[in-house]
Amino acid sequence: MEGLERYRDLGYKALRKFPPEEIEENKQALDEAFTDSVRRLEEFHGHGKTGSRSPVQSDISDSS
């Protein structure tokens, strides 16, 4: 799970270099991929919960 969060954060950092008109579309794609990956991971480990979603942080302006 930590690895997925790190990759998502790297994606957010990369988005800062995108043209403004492309940021939101690509941020949504990152969020969807992250959520889908978390769901698959939970299902694989037997923790899948129907209808549950992991929280997705979407602040790409955070300079961590």
C-alpha atoms as a PDB file:
ATOM      1  CA  MET A   1       0.000   0.000   0.000  1.00  0.00           C
ATOM      2  CA  GLU A   2       2.831   2.368   0.839  1.00  0.00           C
ATOM      3  CA  GLY A   3       4.344   1.724  -2.584  1.00  0.00           C
ATOM      4  CA  LEU A   4       1.084   2.665  -4.307  1.00  0.00           C
ATOM      5  CA  GLU A   5       0.921   5.892  -2.320  1.00  0.00           C
ATOM      6  CA  ARG A   6       4.521   6.745  -3.227  1.00  0.00           C
ATOM      7  CA  TYR A   7       3.846   6.167  -6.934  1.00  0.00           C
ATOM      8  CA  ARG A   8       0.715   8.321  -6.740  1.00  0.00           C
ATOM      9  CA  ASP A   9       2.682  11.095  -5.042  1.00  0.00           C
ATOM     10  CA  LEU A  10       5.362  10.885  -7.725  1.00  0.00           C
ATOM     11  CA  GLY A  11       2.621  11.188 -10.331  1.00  0.00           C
ATOM     12  CA  TYR A  12       1.277  14.317  -8.637  1.00  0.00           C
ATOM     13  CA  LYS A  13       4.749  15.839  -8.634  1.00  0.00           C
ATOM     14  CA  ALA A  14       5.158  15.044 -12.329  1.00  0.00           C
ATOM     15  CA  LEU A  15       1.817  16.726 -13.081  1.00  0.00           C
ATOM     16  CA  ARG A  16       3.206  20.066 -11.925  1.00  0.00           C
ATOM     17  CA  LYS A  17       5.211  20.140 -15.151  1.00  0.00           C
ATOM     18  CA  PHE A  18       2.166  19.520 -17.363  1.00  0.00           C
ATOM     19  CA  PRO A  19       0.370  22.306 -19.211  1.00  0.00           C
ATOM     20  CA  PRO A  20      -2.490  23.632 -17.026  1.00  0.00           C
ATOM     21  CA  GLU A  21      -5.156  22.343 -19.407  1.00  0.00           C
ATOM     22  CA  GLU A  22      -3.878  18.758 -19.015  1.00  0.00           C
ATOM     23  CA  ILE A  23      -3.414  18.627 -15.233  1.00  0.00           C
ATOM     24  CA  GLU A  24      -6.989  17.872 -14.153  1.00  0.00           C
ATOM     25  CA  GLU A  25      -7.551  15.110 -16.711  1.00  0.00           C
ATOM     26  CA  ASN A  26      -4.312  13.396 -15.757  1.00  0.00           C
ATOM     27  CA  LYS A  27      -4.918  13.888 -12.029  1.00  0.00           C
ATOM     28  CA  GLN A  28      -8.258  12.132 -12.399  1.00  0.00           C
ATOM     29  CA  ALA A  29      -6.572   9.270 -14.246  1.00  0.00           C
ATOM     30  CA  LEU A  30      -4.008   8.938 -11.433  1.00  0.00           C
ATOM     31  CA  ASP A  31      -6.750   8.949  -8.798  1.00  0.00           C
ATOM     32  CA  GLU A  32      -8.774   6.311 -10.656  1.00  0.00           C
ATOM     33  CA  ALA A  33      -5.728   4.091 -11.164  1.00  0.00           C
ATOM     34  CA  PHE A  34      -4.790   4.419  -7.492  1.00  0.00           C
ATOM     35  CA  THR A  35      -8.309   3.582  -6.309  1.00  0.00           C
ATOM     36  CA  ASP A  36      -8.518   0.612  -8.669  1.00  0.00           C
ATOM     37  CA  SER A  37      -5.108  -0.653  -7.542  1.00  0.00           C
ATOM     38  CA  VAL A  38      -6.094  -0.376  -3.872  1.00  0.00           C
ATOM     39  CA  ARG A  39      -9.316  -2.284  -4.571  1.00  0.00           C
ATOM     40  CA  ARG A  40      -7.412  -5.030  -6.375  1.00  0.00           C
ATOM     41  CA  LEU A  41      -4.843  -5.250  -3.601  1.00  0.00           C
ATOM     42  CA  GLU A  42      -7.571  -5.533  -0.972  1.00  0.00           C
ATOM     43  CA  GLU A  43      -9.354  -8.212  -2.992  1.00  0.00           C
ATOM     44  CA  PHE A  44      -6.113 -10.138  -3.453  1.00  0.00           C
ATOM     45  CA  HIS A  45      -5.485 -10.122   0.281  1.00  0.00           C
ATOM     46  CA  GLY A  46      -9.081 -11.018   1.070  1.00  0.00           C
ATOM     47  CA  HIS A  47      -9.970  -7.652   2.542  1.00  0.00           C
ATOM     48  CA  GLY A  48     -12.186  -6.464  -0.298  1.00  0.00           C
ATOM     49  CA  LYS A  49     -15.208  -4.586   0.910  1.00  0.00           C
ATOM     50  CA  THR A  50     -17.967  -4.037  -1.598  1.00  0.00           C
ATOM     51  CA  GLY A  51     -18.675  -0.361  -2.078  1.00  0.00           C
ATOM     52  CA  SER A  52     -15.773   0.854   0.042  1.00  0.00           C
ATOM     53  CA  ARG A  53     -13.177   3.225  -1.300  1.00  0.00           C
ATOM     54  CA  SER A  54      -9.874   4.243   0.146  1.00  0.00           C
ATOM     55  CA  PRO A  55      -9.425   7.973   0.612  1.00  0.00           C
ATOM     56  CA  VAL A  56      -7.586   9.640  -2.235  1.00  0.00           C
ATOM     57  CA  GLN A  57      -5.540  12.735  -1.483  1.00  0.00           C
ATOM     58  CA  SER A  58      -5.705  15.059  -4.469  1.00  0.00           C
ATOM     59  CA  ASP A  59      -3.572  18.051  -3.517  1.00  0.00           C
ATOM     60  CA  ILE A  60      -1.009  18.272  -6.306  1.00  0.00           C
ATOM     61  CA  SER A  61       0.203  21.664  -5.109  1.00  0.00           C
ATOM     62  CA  ASP A  62       1.659  20.139  -1.929  1.00  0.00           C
ATOM     63  CA  SER A  63       5.437  20.436  -2.170  1.00  0.00           C
ATOM     64  CA  SER A  64       6.424  17.506   0.030  1.00  0.00           C
END
